[in-house]
Amino acid sequence: MINRPDAPATKRNRDPILKTLKQELHGERELLEIGSGTGQHAIYFAEHMPMIVWQTSDQEKNHDAIESWINSTNITNLKLPLNIEIGLNEDFVKKKYDDVFSSNTSHIMSFKHVEKMFCLVGRILRKNGKFFLYGPFRVNGDFTSKSNEKFNGELNQQNPIMGIRDIEELDKFAIQNSLSNYAFLKMPANNFLSIWLKT
């Protein structure tokens, strides 16, 4: 039996995220996931939304994990990962996508790289496409829970460039890249799913 990397949080948050994705995505669409991690989200969402072609991506060092999960399935609407590392090589992405999804990425990137992610999304997202960003956020400059404040401190200790972002700052990046605030939804464990629409 292959020992694949496991991200337990994906099992806890995947159903609430899937519920929203199903409400917002209709018909045949092609979606890019930025930062697929282990690939477990991609497998679950692609399996439950067969009309969506789900394109995974991540840094090359994570490709073995993603490919091992994908190769353990026979899901035909799930694509092997592209080598995308925000801040390093995202300019090579020329293809347009109907939608973009990313989970738990903005707090582990530098603030500058978060801005670059929004630039990439604004450039490749088709008109009326949606950008779904899941994770913890600060609202009006405040942490939404003591656990998130503690988590932020742990991130800062691990690497000073990391940290939970203010959703208002991300909204500014969105506006600068032709994206408008569409929805901001509460999710389990003091997380949110923020959705922006390409105008």
N, C-alpha and C. Protein backbone atom coordinates (compact mmCIF):
# COMPACT_ATOMS: atom_id res chain seq x y z
N MET A 1 0.84 -1.21 0.00
CA MET A 1 0.00 0.00 0.00
C MET A 1 0.87 1.25 0.00
N ILE A 2 0.57 2.21 -0.88
CA ILE A 2 1.35 3.44 -0.98
C ILE A 2 0.99 4.36 0.19
N ASN A 3 2.02 4.92 0.85
CA ASN A 3 1.80 5.84 1.97
C ASN A 3 1.72 7.27 1.43
N ARG A 4 0.52 7.71 1.13
CA ARG A 4 0.33 9.04 0.56
C ARG A 4 0.22 10.09 1.67
N PRO A 5 0.75 11.31 1.44
CA PRO A 5 0.60 12.37 2.44
C PRO A 5 -0.87 12.70 2.64
N ASP A 6 -1.22 12.97 3.89
CA ASP A 6 -2.63 13.20 4.22
C ASP A 6 -2.77 14.55 4.91
N ALA A 7 -3.73 15.34 4.46
CA ALA A 7 -4.04 16.63 5.09
C ALA A 7 -5.42 16.49 5.74
N PRO A 8 -5.47 16.18 7.04
CA PRO A 8 -6.76 15.91 7.70
C PRO A 8 -7.77 17.04 7.58
N ALA A 9 -7.30 18.28 7.50
CA ALA A 9 -8.23 19.42 7.44
C ALA A 9 -9.11 19.36 6.20
N THR A 10 -8.62 18.72 5.14
CA THR A 10 -9.43 18.66 3.91
C THR A 10 -10.71 17.88 4.14
N LYS A 11 -10.66 16.89 5.02
CA LYS A 11 -11.87 16.10 5.30
C LYS A 11 -12.88 16.90 6.11
N ARG A 12 -12.37 17.85 6.92
CA ARG A 12 -13.27 18.63 7.77
C ARG A 12 -13.95 19.76 7.00
N ASN A 13 -13.27 20.30 6.01
CA ASN A 13 -13.83 21.49 5.36
C ASN A 13 -14.37 21.23 3.95
N ARG A 14 -14.15 20.03 3.42
CA ARG A 14 -14.47 19.81 2.01
C ARG A 14 -15.97 19.87 1.72
N ASP A 15 -16.81 19.38 2.61
CA ASP A 15 -18.25 19.37 2.32
C ASP A 15 -18.86 20.77 2.32
N PRO A 16 -18.55 21.63 3.30
CA PRO A 16 -19.07 23.01 3.22
C PRO A 16 -18.58 23.76 1.98
N ILE A 17 -17.31 23.54 1.61
CA ILE A 17 -16.79 24.19 0.40
C ILE A 17 -17.51 23.63 -0.83
N LEU A 18 -17.64 22.31 -0.90
CA LEU A 18 -18.31 21.69 -2.04
C LEU A 18 -19.72 22.21 -2.20
N LYS A 19 -20.44 22.36 -1.10
CA LYS A 19 -21.81 22.87 -1.17
C LYS A 19 -21.86 24.22 -1.87
N THR A 20 -20.94 25.10 -1.53
CA THR A 20 -20.90 26.42 -2.16
C THR A 20 -20.48 26.33 -3.62
N LEU A 21 -19.47 25.51 -3.91
CA LEU A 21 -19.03 25.36 -5.30
C LEU A 21 -20.17 24.87 -6.18
N LYS A 22 -20.94 23.92 -5.68
CA LYS A 22 -22.08 23.39 -6.46
C LYS A 22 -23.14 24.46 -6.70
N GLN A 23 -23.31 25.35 -5.72
CA GLN A 23 -24.29 26.43 -5.87
C GLN A 23 -23.84 27.47 -6.89
N GLU A 24 -22.52 27.64 -7.01
CA GLU A 24 -21.98 28.74 -7.82
C GLU A 24 -21.50 28.33 -9.21
N LEU A 25 -21.20 27.05 -9.41
CA LEU A 25 -20.64 26.60 -10.68
C LEU A 25 -21.64 25.73 -11.42
N HIS A 26 -22.03 26.16 -12.60
CA HIS A 26 -23.05 25.44 -13.36
C HIS A 26 -22.57 25.17 -14.78
N GLY A 27 -22.90 24.00 -15.30
CA GLY A 27 -22.52 23.64 -16.66
C GLY A 27 -21.07 23.23 -16.76
N GLU A 28 -20.61 23.02 -17.97
CA GLU A 28 -19.23 22.60 -18.21
C GLU A 28 -18.29 23.79 -18.02
N ARG A 29 -17.31 23.62 -17.15
CA ARG A 29 -16.38 24.71 -16.86
C ARG A 29 -14.99 24.12 -16.65
N GLU A 30 -13.99 24.96 -16.84
CA GLU A 30 -12.61 24.56 -16.58
C GLU A 30 -12.06 25.45 -15.47
N LEU A 31 -11.58 24.82 -14.41
CA LEU A 31 -11.15 25.53 -13.21
C LEU A 31 -9.69 25.24 -12.92
N LEU A 32 -8.96 26.28 -12.52
CA LEU A 32 -7.57 26.13 -12.08
C LEU A 32 -7.53 26.23 -10.56
N GLU A 33 -6.90 25.25 -9.93
CA GLU A 33 -6.64 25.33 -8.50
C GLU A 33 -5.20 25.78 -8.29
N ILE A 34 -5.02 26.84 -7.52
CA ILE A 34 -3.68 27.34 -7.18
C ILE A 34 -3.30 26.77 -5.82
N GLY A 35 -2.20 26.03 -5.78
CA GLY A 35 -1.74 25.45 -4.52
C GLY A 35 -2.54 24.24 -4.12
N SER A 36 -2.45 23.16 -4.89
CA SER A 36 -3.28 21.98 -4.64
C SER A 36 -2.83 21.16 -3.44
N GLY A 37 -1.64 21.42 -2.90
CA GLY A 37 -1.19 20.72 -1.69
C GLY A 37 -1.02 19.23 -1.91
N THR A 38 -1.81 18.44 -1.20
CA THR A 38 -1.75 16.98 -1.38
C THR A 38 -2.59 16.52 -2.57
N GLY A 39 -3.52 17.36 -3.02
CA GLY A 39 -4.42 16.99 -4.11
C GLY A 39 -5.74 16.41 -3.63
N GLN A 40 -5.94 16.31 -2.33
CA GLN A 40 -7.15 15.68 -1.80
C GLN A 40 -8.41 16.51 -2.06
N HIS A 41 -8.31 17.83 -1.96
CA HIS A 41 -9.45 18.68 -2.31
C HIS A 41 -9.83 18.46 -3.77
N ALA A 42 -8.83 18.47 -4.62
CA ALA A 42 -9.07 18.35 -6.06
C ALA A 42 -9.81 17.07 -6.38
N ILE A 43 -9.37 15.96 -5.79
CA ILE A 43 -10.01 14.67 -6.04
C ILE A 43 -11.48 14.70 -5.60
N TYR A 44 -11.72 15.22 -4.41
CA TYR A 44 -13.08 15.22 -3.86
C TYR A 44 -14.01 16.10 -4.69
N PHE A 45 -13.54 17.28 -5.02
CA PHE A 45 -14.40 18.22 -5.76
C PHE A 45 -14.63 17.74 -7.19
N ALA A 46 -13.58 17.24 -7.84
CA ALA A 46 -13.73 16.75 -9.21
C ALA A 46 -14.66 15.55 -9.27
N GLU A 47 -14.57 14.69 -8.27
CA GLU A 47 -15.42 13.50 -8.23
C GLU A 47 -16.90 13.89 -8.09
N HIS A 48 -17.17 14.92 -7.31
CA HIS A 48 -18.55 15.32 -7.04
C HIS A 48 -19.08 16.36 -8.04
N MET A 49 -18.21 16.87 -8.91
CA MET A 49 -18.64 17.83 -9.93
C MET A 49 -18.07 17.40 -11.29
N PRO A 50 -18.61 16.35 -11.87
CA PRO A 50 -18.03 15.78 -13.09
C PRO A 50 -18.05 16.71 -14.30
N MET A 51 -18.86 17.78 -14.26
CA MET A 51 -18.89 18.73 -15.37
C MET A 51 -17.72 19.72 -15.32
N ILE A 52 -17.01 19.76 -14.19
CA ILE A 52 -15.89 20.68 -14.02
C ILE A 52 -14.58 19.97 -14.35
N VAL A 53 -13.81 20.51 -15.29
CA VAL A 53 -12.44 20.02 -15.52
C VAL A 53 -11.55 20.74 -14.51
N TRP A 54 -10.99 19.96 -13.59
CA TRP A 54 -10.24 20.52 -12.46
C TRP A 54 -8.74 20.39 -12.72
N GLN A 55 -8.09 21.54 -12.94
CA GLN A 55 -6.66 21.57 -13.21
C GLN A 55 -5.90 21.86 -11.92
N THR A 56 -5.14 20.89 -11.43
CA THR A 56 -4.33 21.10 -10.23
C THR A 56 -3.05 21.87 -10.57
N SER A 57 -2.46 22.47 -9.54
CA SER A 57 -1.15 23.12 -9.71
C SER A 57 -0.50 23.28 -8.34
N ASP A 58 0.81 23.38 -8.34
CA ASP A 58 1.55 23.63 -7.10
C ASP A 58 3.03 23.75 -7.46
N GLN A 59 3.83 24.05 -6.43
CA GLN A 59 5.28 23.98 -6.61
C GLN A 59 5.67 22.55 -6.98
N GLU A 60 6.73 22.44 -7.74
CA GLU A 60 7.13 21.13 -8.25
C GLU A 60 7.40 20.12 -7.14
N LYS A 61 7.88 20.59 -5.98
CA LYS A 61 8.19 19.67 -4.88
C LYS A 61 6.96 18.94 -4.35
N ASN A 62 5.77 19.48 -4.62
CA ASN A 62 4.53 18.85 -4.15
C ASN A 62 3.86 17.98 -5.20
N HIS A 63 4.44 17.90 -6.39
CA HIS A 63 3.79 17.17 -7.49
C HIS A 63 3.68 15.67 -7.23
N ASP A 64 4.70 15.08 -6.60
CA ASP A 64 4.65 13.64 -6.36
C ASP A 64 3.44 13.27 -5.50
N ALA A 65 3.18 14.08 -4.49
CA ALA A 65 2.04 13.82 -3.60
C ALA A 65 0.73 13.95 -4.36
N ILE A 66 0.60 15.03 -5.13
CA ILE A 66 -0.63 15.25 -5.89
C ILE A 66 -0.84 14.14 -6.90
N GLU A 67 0.22 13.79 -7.62
CA GLU A 67 0.10 12.75 -8.65
C GLU A 67 -0.22 11.39 -8.04
N SER A 68 0.32 11.11 -6.86
CA SER A 68 0.03 9.82 -6.23
C SER A 68 -1.44 9.71 -5.86
N TRP A 69 -2.02 10.81 -5.40
CA TRP A 69 -3.46 10.80 -5.09
C TRP A 69 -4.29 10.70 -6.36
N ILE A 70 -3.94 11.50 -7.37
CA ILE A 70 -4.71 11.47 -8.62
C ILE A 70 -4.63 10.10 -9.27
N ASN A 71 -3.44 9.50 -9.27
CA ASN A 71 -3.26 8.19 -9.91
C ASN A 71 -3.95 7.07 -9.15
N SER A 72 -4.38 7.34 -7.93
CA SER A 72 -5.11 6.33 -7.16
C SER A 72 -6.60 6.32 -7.52
N THR A 73 -7.01 7.22 -8.41
CA THR A 73 -8.41 7.32 -8.82
C THR A 73 -8.53 7.06 -10.32
N ASN A 74 -9.77 7.00 -10.78
CA ASN A 74 -10.00 6.93 -12.22
C ASN A 74 -10.90 8.10 -12.65
N ILE A 75 -10.71 9.24 -11.98
CA ILE A 75 -11.50 10.44 -12.27
C ILE A 75 -10.97 11.07 -13.56
N THR A 76 -11.82 11.20 -14.55
CA THR A 76 -11.36 11.65 -15.87
C THR A 76 -11.34 13.17 -16.03
N ASN A 77 -12.01 13.90 -15.13
CA ASN A 77 -12.06 15.36 -15.24
C ASN A 77 -11.06 16.04 -14.31
N LEU A 78 -10.02 15.30 -13.92
CA LEU A 78 -8.99 15.79 -13.00
C LEU A 78 -7.64 15.74 -13.70
N LYS A 79 -6.92 16.87 -13.74
CA LYS A 79 -5.68 16.95 -14.50
C LYS A 79 -4.46 16.99 -13.58
N LEU A 80 -3.39 16.33 -14.02
CA LEU A 80 -2.13 16.35 -13.29
C LEU A 80 -1.62 17.77 -13.13
N PRO A 81 -0.81 18.03 -12.08
CA PRO A 81 -0.49 19.42 -11.71
C PRO A 81 0.41 20.16 -12.69
N LEU A 82 0.09 21.43 -12.86
CA LEU A 82 1.00 22.37 -13.50
C LEU A 82 2.01 22.85 -12.47
N ASN A 83 3.21 23.21 -12.94
CA ASN A 83 4.23 23.75 -12.05
C ASN A 83 4.04 25.26 -11.93
N ILE A 84 3.28 25.67 -10.92
CA ILE A 84 3.05 27.10 -10.69
C ILE A 84 3.53 27.44 -9.29
N GLU A 85 4.50 28.34 -9.20
CA GLU A 85 4.96 28.87 -7.92
C GLU A 85 4.82 30.39 -7.97
N ILE A 86 3.83 30.88 -7.22
CA ILE A 86 3.53 32.31 -7.24
C ILE A 86 4.75 33.11 -6.81
N GLY A 87 5.06 34.15 -7.58
CA GLY A 87 6.22 34.98 -7.29
C GLY A 87 7.47 34.52 -8.01
N LEU A 88 7.40 33.35 -8.63
CA LEU A 88 8.57 32.81 -9.33
C LEU A 88 8.30 32.62 -10.81
N ASN A 89 7.18 31.95 -11.15
CA ASN A 89 7.00 31.58 -12.56
C ASN A 89 5.56 31.69 -13.05
N GLU A 90 4.70 32.39 -12.30
CA GLU A 90 3.28 32.40 -12.69
C GLU A 90 3.01 33.11 -14.01
N ASP A 91 3.98 33.89 -14.49
CA ASP A 91 3.76 34.63 -15.74
C ASP A 91 3.65 33.70 -16.95
N PHE A 92 4.11 32.44 -16.81
CA PHE A 92 4.05 31.54 -17.96
C PHE A 92 2.62 31.09 -18.25
N VAL A 93 1.71 31.24 -17.30
CA VAL A 93 0.34 30.76 -17.49
C VAL A 93 -0.38 31.71 -18.44
N LYS A 94 -0.72 31.22 -19.61
CA LYS A 94 -1.39 32.03 -20.63
C LYS A 94 -2.84 31.61 -20.84
N LYS A 95 -3.13 30.37 -20.51
CA LYS A 95 -4.46 29.81 -20.74
C LYS A 95 -5.50 30.53 -19.89
N LYS A 96 -6.69 30.72 -20.44
CA LYS A 96 -7.81 31.32 -19.70
C LYS A 96 -8.62 30.21 -19.02
N TYR A 97 -9.13 30.52 -17.85
CA TYR A 97 -9.96 29.57 -17.10
C TYR A 97 -11.29 30.21 -16.75
N ASP A 98 -12.30 29.35 -16.60
CA ASP A 98 -13.63 29.84 -16.23
C ASP A 98 -13.68 30.25 -14.77
N ASP A 99 -12.91 29.55 -13.93
CA ASP A 99 -12.91 29.83 -12.49
C ASP A 99 -11.55 29.46 -11.91
N VAL A 100 -11.28 30.01 -10.71
CA VAL A 100 -10.04 29.70 -10.00
C VAL A 100 -10.39 29.41 -8.54
N PHE A 101 -9.72 28.40 -7.97
CA PHE A 101 -9.93 28.04 -6.57
C PHE A 101 -8.57 27.95 -5.88
N SER A 102 -8.52 28.40 -4.62
CA SER A 102 -7.30 28.24 -3.83
C SER A 102 -7.68 28.11 -2.36
N SER A 103 -7.02 27.21 -1.66
CA SER A 103 -7.35 26.95 -0.26
C SER A 103 -6.10 27.02 0.61
N ASN A 104 -6.21 27.81 1.69
CA ASN A 104 -5.14 27.91 2.69
C ASN A 104 -3.79 28.26 2.08
N THR A 105 -3.82 29.27 1.22
CA THR A 105 -2.57 29.71 0.58
C THR A 105 -2.17 31.14 0.97
N SER A 106 -3.14 32.02 1.15
CA SER A 106 -2.80 33.44 1.33
C SER A 106 -2.02 33.70 2.61
N HIS A 107 -2.19 32.87 3.63
CA HIS A 107 -1.47 33.12 4.89
C HIS A 107 -0.09 32.47 4.93
N ILE A 108 0.23 31.63 3.94
CA ILE A 108 1.58 31.05 3.91
C ILE A 108 2.45 31.67 2.82
N MET A 109 1.87 32.55 2.01
CA MET A 109 2.64 33.33 1.03
C MET A 109 3.05 34.66 1.67
N SER A 110 4.05 35.30 1.11
CA SER A 110 4.32 36.69 1.50
C SER A 110 3.19 37.57 0.99
N PHE A 111 3.03 38.74 1.59
CA PHE A 111 1.97 39.65 1.18
C PHE A 111 2.14 40.05 -0.29
N LYS A 112 3.39 40.23 -0.71
CA LYS A 112 3.68 40.57 -2.10
C LYS A 112 3.24 39.45 -3.03
N HIS A 113 3.44 38.22 -2.62
CA HIS A 113 3.04 37.09 -3.47
C HIS A 113 1.53 36.91 -3.50
N VAL A 114 0.85 37.28 -2.42
CA VAL A 114 -0.61 37.29 -2.46
C VAL A 114 -1.09 38.27 -3.53
N GLU A 115 -0.46 39.43 -3.57
CA GLU A 115 -0.80 40.42 -4.61
C GLU A 115 -0.55 39.84 -6.00
N LYS A 116 0.55 39.12 -6.17
CA LYS A 116 0.86 38.50 -7.47
C LYS A 116 -0.17 37.43 -7.83
N MET A 117 -0.68 36.71 -6.82
CA MET A 117 -1.72 35.72 -7.09
C MET A 117 -2.97 36.40 -7.65
N PHE A 118 -3.34 37.53 -7.08
CA PHE A 118 -4.51 38.24 -7.59
C PHE A 118 -4.25 38.78 -9.00
N CYS A 119 -3.02 39.19 -9.28
CA CYS A 119 -2.67 39.63 -10.64
C CYS A 119 -2.85 38.47 -11.63
N LEU A 120 -2.37 37.29 -11.24
CA LEU A 120 -2.52 36.11 -12.10
C LEU A 120 -3.99 35.80 -12.32
N VAL A 121 -4.78 35.78 -11.26
CA VAL A 121 -6.20 35.46 -11.38
C VAL A 121 -6.90 36.47 -12.27
N GLY A 122 -6.63 37.74 -12.06
CA GLY A 122 -7.26 38.77 -12.88
C GLY A 122 -6.93 38.63 -14.36
N ARG A 123 -5.73 38.12 -14.64
CA ARG A 123 -5.27 37.99 -16.03
C ARG A 123 -5.86 36.76 -16.72
N ILE A 124 -6.00 35.65 -15.99
CA ILE A 124 -6.41 34.40 -16.65
C ILE A 124 -7.89 34.07 -16.50
N LEU A 125 -8.59 34.80 -15.64
CA LEU A 125 -10.00 34.48 -15.40
C LEU A 125 -10.87 35.09 -16.48
N ARG A 126 -11.75 34.26 -17.04
CA ARG A 126 -12.68 34.75 -18.05
C ARG A 126 -13.74 35.66 -17.42
N LYS A 127 -14.35 36.52 -18.23
CA LYS A 127 -15.38 37.43 -17.75
C LYS A 127 -16.51 36.62 -17.09
N ASN A 128 -16.97 37.11 -15.95
CA ASN A 128 -18.01 36.48 -15.12
C ASN A 128 -17.52 35.20 -14.43
N GLY A 129 -16.23 34.91 -14.51
CA GLY A 129 -15.66 33.81 -13.75
C GLY A 129 -15.48 34.19 -12.30
N LYS A 130 -15.32 33.20 -11.44
CA LYS A 130 -15.22 33.44 -10.00
C LYS A 130 -13.90 32.93 -9.44
N PHE A 131 -13.38 33.69 -8.49
CA PHE A 131 -12.18 33.30 -7.75
C PHE A 131 -12.59 32.97 -6.33
N PHE A 132 -12.41 31.70 -5.95
CA PHE A 132 -12.76 31.21 -4.62
C PHE A 132 -11.48 31.08 -3.79
N LEU A 133 -11.42 31.79 -2.67
CA LEU A 133 -10.25 31.72 -1.79
C LEU A 133 -10.70 31.34 -0.39
N TYR A 134 -10.25 30.17 0.06
CA TYR A 134 -10.65 29.64 1.37
C TYR A 134 -9.50 29.82 2.37
N GLY A 135 -9.86 30.12 3.61
CA GLY A 135 -8.85 30.18 4.66
C GLY A 135 -9.26 31.10 5.79
N PRO A 136 -8.35 31.33 6.74
CA PRO A 136 -8.60 32.30 7.80
C PRO A 136 -8.28 33.72 7.31
N PHE A 137 -9.07 34.67 7.73
CA PHE A 137 -8.83 36.07 7.37
C PHE A 137 -9.11 36.95 8.58
N ARG A 138 -8.47 38.11 8.61
CA ARG A 138 -8.85 39.13 9.57
C ARG A 138 -9.94 39.99 8.93
N VAL A 139 -10.84 40.48 9.74
CA VAL A 139 -11.94 41.31 9.27
C VAL A 139 -11.89 42.65 10.00
N ASN A 140 -11.86 43.74 9.23
CA ASN A 140 -11.72 45.08 9.81
C ASN A 140 -10.49 45.18 10.71
N GLY A 141 -9.43 44.46 10.32
CA GLY A 141 -8.18 44.50 11.06
C GLY A 141 -8.12 43.63 12.28
N ASP A 142 -9.21 42.93 12.59
CA ASP A 142 -9.27 42.12 13.81
C ASP A 142 -9.29 40.62 13.47
N PHE A 143 -8.69 39.84 14.36
CA PHE A 143 -8.81 38.38 14.25
C PHE A 143 -10.23 37.98 14.61
N THR A 144 -10.75 36.97 13.95
CA THR A 144 -12.13 36.54 14.20
C THR A 144 -12.22 35.52 15.33
N SER A 145 -11.08 35.09 15.87
CA SER A 145 -11.08 34.17 17.01
C SER A 145 -9.72 34.20 17.68
N LYS A 146 -9.68 33.77 18.95
CA LYS A 146 -8.41 33.68 19.68
C LYS A 146 -7.50 32.62 19.04
N SER A 147 -8.12 31.55 18.52
CA SER A 147 -7.31 30.50 17.90
C SER A 147 -6.62 31.01 16.63
N ASN A 148 -7.30 31.88 15.88
CA ASN A 148 -6.67 32.45 14.69
C ASN A 148 -5.54 33.41 15.07
N GLU A 149 -5.73 34.15 16.15
CA GLU A 149 -4.67 35.05 16.61
C GLU A 149 -3.44 34.24 17.03
N LYS A 150 -3.68 33.12 17.73
CA LYS A 150 -2.57 32.24 18.12
C LYS A 150 -1.90 31.64 16.89
N PHE A 151 -2.70 31.19 15.94
CA PHE A 151 -2.17 30.62 14.70
C PHE A 151 -1.31 31.64 13.96
N ASN A 152 -1.76 32.88 13.93
CA ASN A 152 -1.00 33.93 13.26
C ASN A 152 0.38 34.11 13.91
N GLY A 153 0.41 34.06 15.24
CA GLY A 153 1.68 34.17 15.95
C GLY A 153 2.61 33.02 15.61
N GLU A 154 2.05 31.83 15.49
CA GLU A 154 2.85 30.66 15.12
C GLU A 154 3.40 30.79 13.70
N LEU A 155 2.57 31.33 12.80
CA LEU A 155 3.03 31.56 11.43
C LEU A 155 4.18 32.56 11.41
N ASN A 156 4.04 33.65 12.15
CA ASN A 156 5.08 34.69 12.20
C ASN A 156 6.39 34.15 12.75
N GLN A 157 6.28 33.26 13.76
CA GLN A 157 7.49 32.66 14.33
C GLN A 157 8.16 31.71 13.33
N GLN A 158 7.35 31.00 12.58
CA GLN A 158 7.87 30.07 11.58
C GLN A 158 8.56 30.81 10.46
N ASN A 159 7.93 31.90 10.00
CA ASN A 159 8.50 32.72 8.94
C ASN A 159 7.81 34.08 8.98
N PRO A 160 8.55 35.17 9.18
CA PRO A 160 7.93 36.49 9.31
C PRO A 160 7.11 36.94 8.10
N ILE A 161 7.34 36.33 6.93
CA ILE A 161 6.58 36.75 5.75
C ILE A 161 5.15 36.20 5.77
N MET A 162 4.89 35.21 6.63
CA MET A 162 3.58 34.58 6.65
C MET A 162 2.67 35.27 7.66
N GLY A 163 1.36 35.13 7.45
CA GLY A 163 0.41 35.71 8.39
C GLY A 163 -1.00 35.75 7.80
N ILE A 164 -1.97 35.80 8.69
CA ILE A 164 -3.37 35.88 8.27
C ILE A 164 -3.65 37.27 7.72
N ARG A 165 -4.25 37.34 6.55
CA ARG A 165 -4.42 38.61 5.82
C ARG A 165 -5.75 39.28 6.15
N ASP A 166 -5.74 40.61 6.04
CA ASP A 166 -6.98 41.39 6.16
C ASP A 166 -7.79 41.22 4.89
N ILE A 167 -9.04 40.83 5.02
CA ILE A 167 -9.87 40.64 3.83
C ILE A 167 -10.04 41.95 3.07
N GLU A 168 -10.01 43.07 3.78
CA GLU A 168 -10.14 44.37 3.09
C GLU A 168 -8.95 44.65 2.18
N GLU A 169 -7.75 44.20 2.59
CA GLU A 169 -6.57 44.36 1.74
C GLU A 169 -6.69 43.48 0.49
N LEU A 170 -7.24 42.28 0.66
CA LEU A 170 -7.42 41.40 -0.49
C LEU A 170 -8.47 41.96 -1.44
N ASP A 171 -9.50 42.59 -0.88
CA ASP A 171 -10.50 43.23 -1.73
C ASP A 171 -9.87 44.33 -2.59
N LYS A 172 -8.88 45.03 -2.04
CA LYS A 172 -8.17 46.06 -2.82
C LYS A 172 -7.40 45.43 -3.98
N PHE A 173 -6.71 44.32 -3.69
CA PHE A 173 -6.00 43.61 -4.77
C PHE A 173 -6.99 43.16 -5.84
N ALA A 174 -8.16 42.71 -5.39
CA ALA A 174 -9.17 42.24 -6.34
C ALA A 174 -9.61 43.37 -7.26
N ILE A 175 -9.94 44.51 -6.68
CA ILE A 175 -10.41 45.66 -7.47
C ILE A 175 -9.36 46.08 -8.49
N GLN A 176 -8.09 46.05 -8.08
CA GLN A 176 -6.99 46.43 -8.98
C GLN A 176 -6.86 45.48 -10.18
N ASN A 177 -7.48 44.30 -10.07
CA ASN A 177 -7.36 43.28 -11.12
C ASN A 177 -8.71 42.90 -11.71
N SER A 178 -9.62 43.87 -11.74
CA SER A 178 -10.95 43.72 -12.39
C SER A 178 -11.80 42.63 -11.75
N LEU A 179 -11.66 42.48 -10.43
CA LEU A 179 -12.48 41.53 -9.68
C LEU A 179 -13.33 42.30 -8.68
N SER A 180 -14.57 41.92 -8.54
CA SER A 180 -15.45 42.60 -7.58
C SER A 180 -15.85 41.63 -6.47
N ASN A 181 -16.09 42.18 -5.29
CA ASN A 181 -16.48 41.39 -4.13
C ASN A 181 -17.84 40.77 -4.39
N TYR A 182 -17.93 39.45 -4.36
CA TYR A 182 -19.16 38.73 -4.68
C TYR A 182 -19.81 38.11 -3.44
N ALA A 183 -19.01 37.46 -2.58
CA ALA A 183 -19.55 36.85 -1.36
C ALA A 183 -18.41 36.59 -0.38
N PHE A 184 -18.77 36.58 0.91
CA PHE A 184 -17.81 36.29 1.98
C PHE A 184 -18.54 35.41 2.98
N LEU A 185 -18.25 34.10 2.94
CA LEU A 185 -19.06 33.11 3.62
C LEU A 185 -18.32 32.48 4.79
N LYS A 186 -18.99 32.36 5.93
CA LYS A 186 -18.41 31.69 7.09
C LYS A 186 -18.30 30.20 6.83
N MET A 187 -17.17 29.63 7.27
CA MET A 187 -16.89 28.21 7.10
C MET A 187 -16.47 27.63 8.45
N PRO A 188 -16.29 26.31 8.53
CA PRO A 188 -15.90 25.71 9.82
C PRO A 188 -14.55 26.21 10.33
N ALA A 189 -14.37 26.07 11.64
CA ALA A 189 -13.08 26.32 12.31
C ALA A 189 -12.57 27.75 12.07
N ASN A 190 -13.49 28.72 12.14
CA ASN A 190 -13.14 30.14 12.02
C ASN A 190 -12.48 30.50 10.70
N ASN A 191 -12.86 29.79 9.65
CA ASN A 191 -12.39 30.09 8.31
C ASN A 191 -13.52 30.71 7.49
N PHE A 192 -13.16 31.20 6.30
CA PHE A 192 -14.12 31.82 5.40
C PHE A 192 -13.86 31.35 3.98
N LEU A 193 -14.87 31.48 3.14
CA LEU A 193 -14.70 31.31 1.69
C LEU A 193 -15.06 32.64 1.06
N SER A 194 -14.05 33.33 0.57
CA SER A 194 -14.27 34.60 -0.10
C SER A 194 -14.38 34.37 -1.60
N ILE A 195 -15.34 35.00 -2.24
CA ILE A 195 -15.55 34.83 -3.68
C ILE A 195 -15.52 36.21 -4.35
N TRP A 196 -14.71 36.30 -5.40
CA TRP A 196 -14.68 37.51 -6.22
C TRP A 196 -15.11 37.16 -7.64
N LEU A 197 -15.75 38.12 -8.29
CA LEU A 197 -16.28 37.93 -9.65
C LEU A 197 -15.49 38.76 -10.63
N LYS A 198 -15.10 38.16 -11.76
CA LYS A 198 -14.38 38.91 -12.81
C LYS A 198 -15.40 39.76 -13.58
N THR A 199 -15.16 41.08 -13.55
CA THR A 199 -16.11 42.01 -14.17
C THR A 199 -15.66 42.38 -15.58
